[in-house]
Amino acid sequence: MAVPNFFRKPYGPGWVLVGDAGYHKDPITAQGITDAFRDAELVADAVDAGLSGKRSIDEVMAKYEQRRNEAAFPIYEFTCQLAALEPPPPETQQLFAALRHDQEQTNRFFGVMAGTVPVVEFFAPDNIGRI
C-alpha cells in the first residue's frame, strides 16, 4: 500500500509543526525522528528571534518553513524514489556496483540513510564521479 507523501504549511497563529506532522514521507528511510529533532531546533531558533524582537514572528516562521523545506527536500525525493520499490535506474545500479568495492563510500551511503551525511553531498556529481 502506498503511503502519501506531502508537505504542509508548518505554522500558523499560535502553532507550529515539526517532523512528520509538518511533512510526511514513506518510512522506508527511517528519518522521522531525525526530522523532528532538526525541525525542533529550527523552530526554537525562529521563536527565539521572533519573541526577542530581533525580527517579526511572521518573518522568522516563514524562514523556518524555507529552511525546513531546503533541509527536507533532498531526503524526501530520495525516499520517494526508494519507496516506489522499482528497480533502480542504470546509473544507480552502477553506483551500487561500485560501492561493493569501496567501504568508505558505502559507509557514507548508509550515512545518508541515517541522516548523518547530506543527500546532496553524497550524490554530488564530483562524489559520484570519484566512486
Protein backbone atom coordinates (compact mmCIF):
# COMPACT_ATOMS: atom_id res chain seq x y z
CA MET A 1 0.00 0.00 0.00
CA ALA A 2 1.39 3.38 -1.00
CA VAL A 3 1.98 5.94 1.73
CA PRO A 4 1.02 9.52 0.85
CA ASN A 5 3.96 11.90 0.65
CA PHE A 6 3.33 15.62 1.16
CA PHE A 7 4.45 18.89 2.73
CA ARG A 8 2.19 21.02 4.93
CA LYS A 9 2.49 24.65 5.87
CA PRO A 10 4.23 24.13 9.21
CA TYR A 11 2.99 27.12 11.18
CA GLY A 12 0.12 29.48 11.89
CA PRO A 13 -1.06 31.79 14.66
CA GLY A 14 -0.10 30.05 17.91
CA TRP A 15 1.04 26.72 16.45
CA VAL A 16 3.94 25.06 14.65
CA LEU A 17 4.53 21.59 13.22
CA VAL A 18 7.79 19.63 13.27
CA GLY A 19 8.88 16.31 11.78
CA ASP A 20 6.18 14.06 10.34
CA ALA A 21 3.46 16.48 11.40
CA GLY A 22 4.86 19.10 9.01
CA TYR A 23 5.71 16.86 6.11
CA HIS A 24 5.26 13.18 5.54
CA LYS A 25 7.21 10.68 3.53
CA ASP A 26 7.33 6.91 3.36
CA PRO A 27 9.08 5.46 6.43
CA ILE A 28 11.49 3.37 4.31
CA THR A 29 14.45 5.62 5.18
CA ALA A 30 13.50 5.87 8.89
CA GLN A 31 14.17 9.62 9.05
CA GLY A 32 11.14 10.69 11.10
CA ILE A 33 12.77 11.30 14.48
CA THR A 34 15.81 12.89 12.85
CA ASP A 35 13.50 15.28 11.01
CA ALA A 36 11.63 16.09 14.22
CA PHE A 37 14.84 16.96 16.10
CA ARG A 38 16.11 19.08 13.19
CA ASP A 39 12.80 20.94 12.91
CA ALA A 40 12.55 21.46 16.67
CA GLU A 41 15.97 23.13 16.63
CA LEU A 42 14.98 25.32 13.68
CA VAL A 43 11.71 26.29 15.41
CA ALA A 44 13.48 27.09 18.68
CA ASP A 45 15.83 29.45 16.85
CA ALA A 46 12.93 31.06 14.97
CA VAL A 47 10.76 31.53 18.06
CA ASP A 48 13.70 32.99 19.99
CA ALA A 49 14.35 35.52 17.21
CA GLY A 50 10.64 36.36 16.96
CA LEU A 51 9.85 36.68 20.65
CA SER A 52 13.05 38.58 21.43
CA GLY A 53 12.02 41.23 18.91
CA LYS A 54 15.04 40.69 16.64
CA ARG A 55 12.65 40.04 13.74
CA SER A 56 8.91 39.71 13.31
CA ILE A 57 7.35 36.36 14.17
CA ASP A 58 5.84 36.14 10.67
CA GLU A 59 9.25 36.67 9.11
CA VAL A 60 11.03 34.07 11.27
CA MET A 61 8.31 31.46 10.81
CA ALA A 62 8.41 31.91 7.02
CA LYS A 63 12.19 31.49 7.26
CA TYR A 64 11.66 28.33 9.36
CA GLU A 65 9.46 26.88 6.62
CA GLN A 66 12.04 27.75 3.97
CA ARG A 67 14.90 26.21 5.96
CA ARG A 68 12.84 23.12 6.77
CA ASN A 69 11.98 22.63 3.10
CA GLU A 70 15.59 23.12 1.98
CA ALA A 71 16.80 20.58 4.53
CA ALA A 72 13.99 18.07 3.99
CA PHE A 73 13.50 18.05 0.24
CA PRO A 74 16.61 16.08 -0.83
CA ILE A 75 15.88 13.15 1.53
CA TYR A 76 12.18 13.46 0.67
CA GLU A 77 12.91 12.97 -3.03
CA PHE A 78 15.34 10.12 -2.32
CA THR A 79 12.82 8.44 -0.01
CA CYS A 80 10.04 8.69 -2.59
CA GLN A 81 12.33 7.08 -5.17
CA LEU A 82 13.23 4.20 -2.84
CA ALA A 83 9.65 3.73 -1.67
CA ALA A 84 8.47 3.16 -5.24
CA LEU A 85 10.16 -0.27 -4.95
CA GLU A 86 11.03 -0.12 -8.63
CA PRO A 87 14.34 -1.43 -9.95
CA PRO A 88 16.90 1.35 -9.68
CA PRO A 89 17.81 3.18 -12.87
CA PRO A 90 21.03 2.03 -14.61
CA GLU A 91 23.14 4.84 -13.10
CA THR A 92 22.04 3.87 -9.59
CA GLN A 93 22.79 0.22 -10.34
CA GLN A 94 26.29 1.32 -11.42
CA LEU A 95 26.68 3.23 -8.18
CA PHE A 96 25.65 0.23 -6.10
CA ALA A 97 28.09 -1.99 -8.03
CA ALA A 98 30.90 0.49 -7.37
CA LEU A 99 30.01 0.73 -3.68
CA ARG A 100 30.62 -3.01 -3.31
CA HIS A 101 34.34 -2.29 -3.62
CA ASP A 102 34.52 0.95 -1.61
CA GLN A 103 33.80 0.54 2.09
CA GLU A 104 34.32 4.22 2.92
CA GLN A 105 31.74 5.37 0.37
CA THR A 106 29.41 2.52 1.34
CA ASN A 107 29.56 3.82 4.91
CA ARG A 108 28.76 7.32 3.63
CA PHE A 109 25.80 5.96 1.63
CA PHE A 110 24.41 4.40 4.79
CA GLY A 111 25.11 7.74 6.47
CA VAL A 112 22.63 9.22 4.00
CA MET A 113 20.09 6.71 5.25
CA ALA A 114 20.96 7.52 8.87
CA GLY A 115 20.76 11.26 8.28
CA THR A 116 24.42 11.87 9.12
CA VAL A 117 25.55 12.54 5.54
CA PRO A 118 23.60 15.09 3.48
CA VAL A 119 21.93 13.60 0.39
CA VAL A 120 23.15 16.45 -1.83
CA GLU A 121 26.72 15.96 -0.59
CA PHE A 122 26.80 12.22 -1.25
CA PHE A 123 25.05 12.45 -4.63
CA ALA A 124 27.07 15.47 -5.79
CA PRO A 125 28.38 14.80 -9.32
CA ASP A 126 32.03 15.05 -8.24
CA ASN A 127 31.49 12.49 -5.43
CA ILE A 128 29.60 10.10 -7.71
CA GLY A 129 32.39 10.51 -10.29
CA ARG A 130 35.02 9.52 -7.72
CA ILE A 131 33.06 6.44 -6.69
